[in-house]
């Protein structure tokens, strides 16, 4: 360690690495799979229901792995998991480009791509950021989650690549890009600041040898209550936060996956529909940081509740009004609000349960939401097959989003009992 305080706290480098990793995941999986969906499905003539059922199984795999991944992140640190997961995910995209059958597609997608994402591109960088920040945790999480907006912005270029080089050529580009960008980002990540002489947020312990000749500031560590995973499981807050996450994922995951097909159903081309994803992500960027910043200043529960109200109104107006005016209300109301919730969920978890077993507790929450995450694409697929339209399904999603509002309002800070 240097005897002087660095100009920029290292935690912000970890935030940058997490943002880049989130961008890769959003570009090629979260938003990207919705863009790949129709070109791949129509090329092979697969039914919408069969394809969406397979995608739901991929999400089931993520929920199954999450508790184990969370435990290993807390035990071995996020960097090792990120290196392994990013390597596997990149290989998965390359192998997926050689798809010849539906079983092969989902074997590769579920085992390698979703497995790699679960292992190193979701919980791992989020855990590192939660550990390196406390007072500014919401803001740091918000910046990391800008990666999801960047991924949406890259939707239009991805659609152009698919149109120009076909879906299999675009998958090769995805695999190589994940390796080239993701692996160096993983090397930046460190588990916790204490081994390097710092407290969260860059604060310096009173007994530290690190000094700044111009302005020496030392701090006692903020009071932080740390729950074990076993203790967290016994609280109502664990389940209400998990159910909030589940209800949110049912809606946002399905919207991300089926927005492009819905817009194509309305007559847009693939590139035109993807441009709406890009616009949605761009408009949502201020929401990711803005609502996260508000969460550092005010009760995170009420900030999230406000976001859920805006999301539901935006979706309903999108369906009822239709056309450009419906899209406008959707972009203005839904985009910033859905973006703002994502960083606040892990932030409130860390606030309530502490940092010591953050990844393990977060991993245990994942199966709570697995049912909704799995059912979302299946529900949309069934409704689409019945009505031959995605619009009724989006109306159902708008109503379902009210559940997330109820669960987060019921969330109360837990009390740690030592017995």
Protein backbone atom coordinates (compact mmCIF):
# COMPACT_ATOMS: atom_id res chain seq x y z
CA UNK A 1 0.00 0.00 0.00
CA UNK A 2 1.14 3.53 -0.69
CA UNK A 3 1.45 5.85 2.32
CA UNK A 4 -0.74 8.44 0.59
CA UNK A 5 -4.40 8.31 -0.26
CA UNK A 6 -4.99 7.75 -4.01
CA UNK A 7 -6.75 10.39 -6.08
CA UNK A 8 -9.59 7.99 -6.99
CA UNK A 9 -10.95 5.35 -4.63
CA UNK A 10 -10.37 1.89 -6.14
CA UNK A 11 -14.02 1.02 -5.61
CA UNK A 12 -14.89 3.23 -8.58
CA UNK A 13 -12.68 1.10 -10.83
CA UNK A 14 -14.71 -1.89 -9.68
CA UNK A 15 -17.88 0.05 -10.51
CA UNK A 16 -16.49 0.64 -14.02
CA UNK A 17 -15.72 -3.08 -14.44
CA UNK A 18 -19.20 -3.99 -13.22
CA UNK A 19 -20.77 -1.55 -15.65
CA UNK A 20 -18.85 -3.06 -18.58
CA UNK A 21 -19.83 -6.59 -17.52
CA UNK A 22 -23.47 -5.59 -17.19
CA UNK A 23 -23.31 -4.04 -20.66
CA UNK A 24 -22.14 -7.33 -22.18
CA UNK A 25 -24.87 -9.31 -20.43
CA UNK A 26 -27.59 -6.85 -21.46
CA UNK A 27 -26.42 -6.50 -25.06
CA UNK A 28 -26.27 -10.16 -25.95
CA UNK A 29 -28.62 -11.84 -23.47
CA UNK A 30 -31.14 -9.63 -21.66
CA UNK A 31 -32.11 -7.49 -24.67
CA UNK A 32 -30.18 -9.41 -27.30
CA UNK A 33 -32.13 -12.64 -27.02
CA UNK A 34 -35.32 -10.74 -27.84
CA UNK A 35 -33.61 -9.48 -31.02
CA UNK A 36 -32.25 -12.93 -31.89
CA UNK A 37 -35.63 -14.56 -31.16
CA UNK A 38 -37.52 -14.03 -34.42
CA UNK A 39 -34.58 -14.53 -36.85
CA UNK A 40 -33.64 -17.84 -35.21
CA UNK A 41 -37.21 -19.05 -34.69
CA UNK A 42 -38.30 -18.24 -38.24
CA UNK A 43 -35.13 -19.73 -39.75
CA UNK A 44 -35.94 -23.14 -38.26
CA UNK A 45 -39.73 -22.78 -38.19
CA UNK A 46 -39.99 -23.34 -34.43
CA UNK A 47 -43.24 -22.33 -32.70
CA UNK A 48 -43.26 -19.33 -30.39
CA UNK A 49 -44.45 -21.44 -27.45
CA UNK A 50 -41.71 -24.06 -27.91
CA UNK A 51 -39.02 -21.39 -28.11
CA UNK A 52 -40.28 -19.39 -25.13
CA UNK A 53 -40.64 -22.55 -23.04
CA UNK A 54 -36.96 -23.29 -23.64
CA UNK A 55 -36.02 -19.76 -22.62
CA UNK A 56 -37.99 -20.25 -19.41
CA UNK A 57 -36.03 -23.41 -18.66
CA UNK A 58 -32.85 -21.36 -19.02
CA UNK A 59 -34.12 -19.02 -16.33
CA UNK A 60 -34.97 -22.00 -14.13
CA UNK A 61 -31.33 -23.04 -14.35
CA UNK A 62 -30.25 -19.60 -13.16
CA UNK A 63 -32.49 -19.85 -10.12
CA UNK A 64 -31.20 -23.33 -9.30
CA UNK A 65 -27.53 -22.29 -9.45
CA UNK A 66 -27.89 -18.98 -7.62
CA UNK A 67 -27.62 -20.23 -3.99
CA UNK A 68 -24.48 -22.24 -4.79
CA UNK A 69 -22.92 -19.42 -6.80
CA UNK A 70 -23.65 -16.95 -4.00
CA UNK A 71 -21.91 -19.18 -1.45
CA UNK A 72 -18.82 -19.56 -3.64
CA UNK A 73 -18.64 -15.81 -4.29
CA UNK A 74 -18.58 -15.11 -0.55
CA UNK A 75 -16.04 -17.89 -0.01
CA UNK A 76 -13.62 -17.36 -2.92
CA UNK A 77 -14.36 -13.80 -4.02
CA UNK A 78 -16.12 -12.50 -7.15
CA UNK A 79 -13.08 -12.25 -9.43
CA UNK A 80 -12.53 -16.01 -9.77
CA UNK A 81 -16.22 -16.61 -10.46
CA UNK A 82 -16.24 -13.82 -13.07
CA UNK A 83 -13.24 -15.23 -14.91
CA UNK A 84 -14.85 -18.67 -15.07
CA UNK A 85 -18.33 -17.44 -15.96
CA UNK A 86 -17.23 -15.02 -18.69
CA UNK A 87 -15.02 -17.69 -20.28
CA UNK A 88 -17.88 -20.19 -20.37
CA UNK A 89 -20.42 -17.63 -21.62
CA UNK A 90 -18.20 -16.54 -24.54
CA UNK A 91 -17.71 -20.17 -25.57
CA UNK A 92 -21.47 -20.67 -25.41
CA UNK A 93 -22.17 -17.94 -27.96
CA UNK A 94 -19.61 -19.42 -30.36
CA UNK A 95 -21.15 -22.89 -30.08
CA UNK A 96 -24.67 -21.47 -30.35
CA UNK A 97 -23.78 -20.12 -33.79
CA UNK A 98 -23.59 -23.75 -34.97
CA UNK A 99 -27.20 -24.53 -33.98
CA UNK A 100 -28.97 -27.11 -36.14
CA UNK A 101 -31.78 -28.24 -33.83
CA UNK A 102 -33.92 -26.98 -30.94
CA UNK A 103 -32.44 -29.44 -28.37
CA UNK A 104 -28.90 -28.38 -29.31
CA UNK A 105 -29.83 -24.69 -29.05
CA UNK A 106 -31.21 -24.99 -25.55
CA UNK A 107 -28.49 -27.36 -24.33
CA UNK A 108 -25.85 -24.77 -25.24
CA UNK A 109 -27.91 -21.78 -24.18
CA UNK A 110 -28.93 -23.19 -20.80
CA UNK A 111 -25.67 -24.90 -19.80
CA UNK A 112 -23.04 -22.54 -21.18
CA UNK A 113 -24.56 -19.10 -21.80
CA UNK A 114 -26.98 -18.90 -18.89
CA UNK A 115 -24.64 -20.95 -16.74
CA UNK A 116 -21.80 -18.53 -17.46
CA UNK A 117 -23.99 -15.51 -16.79
CA UNK A 118 -25.17 -16.99 -13.49
CA UNK A 119 -21.63 -17.83 -12.50
CA UNK A 120 -19.86 -14.58 -13.20
CA UNK A 121 -21.92 -11.79 -14.78
CA UNK A 122 -24.73 -11.11 -12.34
CA UNK A 123 -24.25 -11.67 -8.62
CA UNK A 124 -20.43 -11.50 -8.69
CA UNK A 125 -19.84 -7.87 -9.77
CA UNK A 126 -22.89 -6.75 -7.76
CA UNK A 127 -21.39 -8.33 -4.63
CA UNK A 128 -18.07 -6.57 -5.15
CA UNK A 129 -19.79 -3.18 -5.45
CA UNK A 130 -21.94 -3.86 -2.37
CA UNK A 131 -18.79 -4.64 -0.40
CA UNK A 132 -16.83 -1.57 -1.52
CA UNK A 133 -19.61 0.95 -0.84
CA UNK A 134 -21.96 1.66 2.03
CA UNK A 135 -23.02 5.31 2.28
CA UNK A 136 -23.02 5.64 -1.54
CA UNK A 137 -24.10 2.10 -2.25
CA UNK A 138 -27.27 3.02 -4.13
CA UNK A 139 -25.45 5.48 -6.36
CA UNK A 140 -22.65 2.99 -7.09
CA UNK A 141 -25.22 0.29 -7.91
CA UNK A 142 -27.01 2.76 -10.18
CA UNK A 143 -23.83 3.44 -12.15
CA UNK A 144 -23.15 -0.30 -12.51
CA UNK A 145 -26.67 -0.78 -13.80
CA UNK A 146 -26.10 1.85 -16.47
CA UNK A 147 -24.61 -1.17 -18.23
CA UNK A 148 -28.14 -2.45 -18.78
CA UNK A 149 -28.99 0.82 -20.52
CA UNK A 150 -25.82 0.68 -22.60
CA UNK A 151 -26.79 -2.86 -23.59
CA UNK A 152 -30.16 -1.61 -24.79
CA UNK A 153 -28.51 1.21 -26.71
CA UNK A 154 -26.45 -1.41 -28.54
CA UNK A 155 -29.65 -3.21 -29.60
CA UNK A 156 -29.89 -1.31 -32.87
CA UNK A 157 -26.26 -2.07 -33.86
CA UNK A 158 -26.85 -5.72 -32.89
CA UNK A 159 -29.94 -5.85 -35.12
CA UNK A 160 -27.85 -4.42 -37.97
CA UNK A 161 -25.20 -7.10 -37.42
CA UNK A 162 -27.90 -9.81 -37.46
CA UNK A 163 -29.39 -8.38 -40.66
CA UNK A 164 -25.98 -8.04 -42.33
CA UNK A 165 -24.22 -11.21 -41.15
CA UNK A 166 -27.19 -13.41 -40.19
CA UNK A 167 -27.94 -14.56 -36.68
CA UNK A 168 -25.12 -17.12 -36.56
CA UNK A 169 -22.51 -14.57 -37.58
CA UNK A 170 -23.81 -12.20 -34.90
CA UNK A 171 -23.45 -14.95 -32.28
CA UNK A 172 -19.79 -15.36 -33.21
CA UNK A 173 -19.31 -11.62 -32.75
CA UNK A 174 -21.02 -11.91 -29.36
CA UNK A 175 -18.73 -14.69 -28.12
CA UNK A 176 -15.51 -12.95 -29.13
CA UNK A 177 -16.68 -9.61 -27.70
CA UNK A 178 -17.56 -11.19 -24.35
CA UNK A 179 -14.01 -12.59 -24.10
CA UNK A 180 -12.16 -9.48 -25.29
CA UNK A 181 -13.99 -7.08 -22.97
CA UNK A 182 -15.20 -9.27 -20.13
CA UNK A 183 -12.01 -11.05 -19.08
CA UNK A 184 -9.91 -7.87 -18.54
CA UNK A 185 -12.80 -6.37 -16.55
CA UNK A 186 -12.88 -9.42 -14.28
CA UNK A 187 -9.19 -8.93 -13.46
CA UNK A 188 -9.95 -5.46 -12.05
CA UNK A 189 -12.43 -6.72 -9.45
CA UNK A 190 -11.47 -7.23 -5.79
CA UNK A 191 -13.63 -8.69 -3.04
CA UNK A 192 -13.52 -6.18 -0.14
CA UNK A 193 -11.67 -2.94 0.67
CA UNK A 194 -10.46 -3.85 4.17
CA UNK A 195 -7.45 -5.97 3.04
CA UNK A 196 -6.20 -2.88 1.16
CA UNK A 197 -6.43 -0.55 4.15
CA UNK A 198 -9.80 1.06 3.42
CA UNK A 199 -13.35 1.03 4.65
CA UNK A 200 -16.33 1.18 2.26
CA UNK A 201 -16.68 4.42 0.25
CA UNK A 202 -12.93 5.05 0.50
CA UNK A 203 -13.00 5.99 4.16
CA UNK A 204 -9.81 5.42 6.15
CA UNK A 205 -9.70 3.70 9.56
CA UNK A 206 -8.42 5.86 12.41
CA UNK A 207 -5.42 3.59 12.97
CA UNK A 208 -4.46 3.51 9.27
CA UNK A 209 -0.95 4.40 8.07
CA UNK A 210 -2.44 5.93 4.91
CA UNK A 211 -2.30 9.69 5.07
CA UNK A 212 -2.87 12.69 2.88
CA UNK A 213 -0.44 15.52 3.52
CA UNK A 214 -3.02 18.13 2.51
CA UNK A 215 -6.16 16.81 4.09
CA UNK A 216 -6.13 13.84 6.44
CA UNK A 217 -9.55 12.38 7.14
CA UNK A 218 -10.02 9.23 9.13
CA UNK A 219 -13.28 7.55 10.04
CA UNK A 220 -14.64 4.89 12.28
CA UNK A 221 -16.55 2.26 10.32
CA UNK A 222 -20.28 2.91 10.09
CA UNK A 223 -22.38 0.67 12.29
CA UNK A 224 -23.40 -2.30 10.18
CA UNK A 225 -25.46 -5.26 11.28
CA UNK A 226 -24.51 -8.46 9.47
CA UNK A 227 -26.97 -11.32 9.25
CA UNK A 228 -25.95 -14.85 8.46
CA UNK A 229 -27.88 -16.53 5.66
CA UNK A 230 -29.69 -18.67 8.24
CA UNK A 231 -30.75 -15.60 10.21
CA UNK A 232 -31.86 -13.75 7.08
CA UNK A 233 -34.10 -16.63 6.03
CA UNK A 234 -36.09 -16.22 9.26
CA UNK A 235 -37.02 -12.59 8.55
CA UNK A 236 -40.05 -11.27 6.71
CA UNK A 237 -37.79 -8.77 4.93
CA UNK A 238 -35.92 -11.58 3.16
CA UNK A 239 -39.12 -12.95 1.68
CA UNK A 240 -40.73 -9.61 0.85
CA UNK A 241 -37.59 -8.40 -0.97
CA UNK A 242 -37.39 -11.75 -2.78
CA UNK A 243 -41.04 -11.56 -3.82
CA UNK A 244 -40.57 -7.96 -4.96
CA UNK A 245 -37.70 -9.14 -7.14
CA UNK A 246 -39.83 -12.02 -8.45
CA UNK A 247 -42.79 -9.82 -9.39
CA UNK A 248 -40.50 -7.28 -11.03
CA UNK A 249 -38.66 -9.93 -13.03
CA UNK A 250 -41.87 -11.45 -14.35
CA UNK A 251 -42.71 -8.07 -15.88
CA UNK A 252 -39.39 -6.58 -16.96
CA UNK A 253 -37.90 -9.85 -18.20
CA UNK A 254 -40.94 -10.52 -20.36
CA UNK A 255 -41.06 -6.96 -21.69
CA UNK A 256 -37.38 -7.09 -22.63
CA UNK A 257 -37.84 -10.42 -24.39
CA UNK A 258 -41.08 -9.67 -26.27
CA UNK A 259 -41.06 -5.93 -26.92
CA UNK A 260 -39.29 -6.33 -30.28
CA UNK A 261 -41.66 -9.11 -31.47
CA UNK A 262 -44.66 -6.99 -30.38
CA UNK A 263 -43.41 -3.98 -32.33
CA UNK A 264 -42.74 -6.23 -35.34
CA UNK A 265 -46.32 -7.47 -34.95
CA UNK A 266 -47.41 -3.82 -35.25
CA UNK A 267 -45.58 -3.56 -38.55
CA UNK A 268 -42.08 -2.40 -37.63
CA UNK A 269 -38.97 -3.95 -39.16
CA UNK A 270 -36.40 -5.67 -36.94
CA UNK A 271 -34.05 -2.67 -36.98
CA UNK A 272 -36.91 -0.21 -36.33
CA UNK A 273 -38.15 -2.26 -33.37
CA UNK A 274 -34.61 -2.59 -32.01
CA UNK A 275 -34.24 1.19 -32.23
CA UNK A 276 -37.12 1.51 -29.73
CA UNK A 277 -35.12 -0.71 -27.34
CA UNK A 278 -32.17 1.62 -27.88
CA UNK A 279 -34.33 4.66 -27.20
CA UNK A 280 -35.87 3.03 -24.13
CA UNK A 281 -32.44 2.28 -22.73
CA UNK A 282 -31.18 5.79 -23.44
CA UNK A 283 -34.18 7.40 -21.75
CA UNK A 284 -33.84 4.98 -18.84
CA UNK A 285 -30.23 5.94 -18.09
CA UNK A 286 -31.02 8.95 -15.85
CA UNK A 287 -33.47 6.75 -13.94
CA UNK A 288 -30.78 4.21 -13.03
CA UNK A 289 -28.58 6.78 -11.34
CA UNK A 290 -31.27 9.28 -10.36
CA UNK A 291 -33.57 6.90 -8.50
CA UNK A 292 -30.52 5.14 -6.99
CA UNK A 293 -29.25 8.50 -5.71
CA UNK A 294 -32.69 9.21 -4.24
CA UNK A 295 -32.48 5.81 -2.54
CA UNK A 296 -29.32 6.98 -0.73
CA UNK A 297 -31.20 10.07 0.48
CA UNK A 298 -34.66 8.68 1.25
CA UNK A 299 -36.33 5.39 2.14
CA UNK A 300 -35.53 3.00 -0.72
CA UNK A 301 -38.89 1.28 -0.34
CA UNK A 302 -40.91 4.36 -1.27
CA UNK A 303 -38.59 5.24 -4.14
CA UNK A 304 -39.15 1.76 -5.58
CA UNK A 305 -42.91 1.95 -4.96
CA UNK A 306 -43.06 5.14 -7.01
CA UNK A 307 -41.16 3.41 -9.81
CA UNK A 308 -43.61 0.50 -9.89
CA UNK A 309 -46.56 2.89 -10.22
CA UNK A 310 -44.93 4.63 -13.20
CA UNK A 311 -44.13 1.27 -14.82
CA UNK A 312 -47.71 0.02 -14.69
CA UNK A 313 -49.15 3.27 -16.02
CA UNK A 314 -46.60 3.32 -18.84
CA UNK A 315 -47.42 -0.25 -19.91
CA UNK A 316 -51.19 0.31 -19.81
CA UNK A 317 -50.98 3.48 -21.90
CA UNK A 318 -48.65 1.71 -24.33
CA UNK A 319 -51.33 -0.90 -25.04
CA UNK A 320 -54.46 1.27 -24.84
CA UNK A 321 -53.23 4.21 -26.92
CA UNK A 322 -51.08 2.28 -29.40
CA UNK A 323 -49.10 3.91 -32.19
CA UNK A 324 -46.45 6.55 -31.62
CA UNK A 325 -48.31 8.22 -28.75
CA UNK A 326 -48.47 4.91 -26.86
CA UNK A 327 -44.78 4.35 -27.45
CA UNK A 328 -44.07 7.89 -26.20
CA UNK A 329 -45.88 7.34 -22.89
CA UNK A 330 -44.19 3.95 -22.56
CA UNK A 331 -40.75 5.48 -23.01
CA UNK A 332 -41.36 8.44 -20.69
CA UNK A 333 -43.01 6.51 -17.83
CA UNK A 334 -41.80 2.93 -18.06
CA UNK A 335 -38.16 3.36 -19.13
CA UNK A 336 -36.78 5.49 -16.26
CA UNK A 337 -38.86 3.69 -13.63
CA UNK A 338 -37.95 0.10 -14.53
CA UNK A 339 -34.32 1.19 -14.78
CA UNK A 340 -34.43 2.81 -11.34
CA UNK A 341 -35.57 -0.27 -9.43
CA UNK A 342 -32.76 -2.59 -10.49
CA UNK A 343 -29.90 -1.02 -8.45
CA UNK A 344 -32.13 -0.40 -5.43
CA UNK A 345 -32.99 -4.07 -4.81
CA UNK A 346 -29.43 -5.25 -4.04
CA UNK A 347 -28.76 -1.96 -2.25
CA UNK A 348 -31.66 -2.42 0.16
CA UNK A 349 -30.63 -6.03 0.72
CA UNK A 350 -27.12 -4.93 1.72
CA UNK A 351 -28.57 -2.18 3.94
CA UNK A 352 -30.83 -4.64 5.75
CA UNK A 353 -28.59 -7.73 6.01
CA UNK A 354 -25.01 -6.41 5.77
CA UNK A 355 -22.02 -7.33 3.61
CA UNK A 356 -20.55 -10.47 5.20
CA UNK A 357 -22.83 -12.93 3.42
CA UNK A 358 -24.29 -10.63 0.77
CA UNK A 359 -23.80 -13.01 -2.18
CA UNK A 360 -25.10 -16.04 -0.28
CA UNK A 361 -28.25 -14.21 0.83
CA UNK A 362 -28.76 -12.77 -2.65
CA UNK A 363 -28.32 -16.25 -4.13
CA UNK A 364 -30.91 -17.67 -1.75
CA UNK A 365 -33.38 -15.00 -2.85
CA UNK A 366 -33.09 -16.04 -6.49
CA UNK A 367 -35.16 -19.27 -6.21
CA UNK A 368 -37.95 -17.19 -4.63
CA UNK A 369 -38.27 -15.46 -7.97
CA UNK A 370 -37.65 -18.50 -10.14
CA UNK A 371 -41.31 -19.39 -10.56
CA UNK A 372 -42.23 -15.98 -11.95
CA UNK A 373 -39.12 -15.77 -14.10
CA UNK A 374 -39.88 -19.17 -15.59
CA UNK A 375 -43.59 -18.57 -15.97
CA UNK A 376 -43.25 -15.14 -17.61
CA UNK A 377 -42.27 -16.27 -21.13
CA UNK A 378 -44.63 -19.25 -20.93
CA UNK A 379 -47.57 -17.01 -19.95
CA UNK A 380 -46.77 -14.59 -22.76
CA UNK A 381 -46.41 -17.49 -25.21
CA UNK A 382 -49.76 -19.02 -24.20
CA UNK A 383 -51.58 -15.67 -24.44
CA UNK A 384 -49.96 -14.99 -27.81
CA UNK A 385 -51.04 -18.38 -29.15
CA UNK A 386 -54.61 -17.79 -27.91
CA UNK A 387 -55.05 -14.19 -29.15
CA UNK A 388 -52.42 -14.29 -31.92
CA UNK A 389 -51.11 -11.03 -30.44
CA UNK A 390 -48.64 -9.94 -27.77
CA UNK A 391 -50.72 -6.91 -26.68
CA UNK A 392 -53.08 -8.77 -24.27
CA UNK A 393 -50.03 -10.32 -22.60
CA UNK A 394 -48.48 -6.88 -22.03
CA UNK A 395 -51.70 -5.72 -20.37
CA UNK A 396 -51.49 -8.73 -18.02
CA UNK A 397 -47.89 -7.78 -17.24
CA UNK A 398 -48.96 -4.24 -16.33
CA UNK A 399 -51.44 -5.58 -13.79
CA UNK A 400 -48.93 -8.10 -12.44
CA UNK A 401 -46.49 -5.27 -11.73
CA UNK A 402 -48.82 -4.07 -8.95
CA UNK A 403 -47.73 -7.14 -6.94
CA UNK A 404 -44.20 -5.76 -6.79
CA UNK A 405 -45.59 -2.51 -5.39
CA UNK A 406 -47.45 -4.37 -2.64
CA UNK A 407 -44.47 -6.51 -1.64
CA UNK A 408 -42.00 -3.62 -1.37
CA UNK A 409 -44.42 -1.51 0.69
CA UNK A 410 -44.76 -4.41 3.13
CA UNK A 411 -40.97 -4.70 3.53
CA UNK A 412 -39.68 -3.65 6.97
CA UNK A 413 -36.09 -3.44 8.23
CA UNK A 414 -35.35 -6.70 10.12
CA UNK A 415 -34.13 -6.91 13.71
CA UNK A 416 -31.18 -9.21 14.40
CA UNK A 417 -31.80 -11.70 17.19
CA UNK A 418 -28.64 -13.34 18.52
CA UNK A 419 -30.33 -16.35 20.02
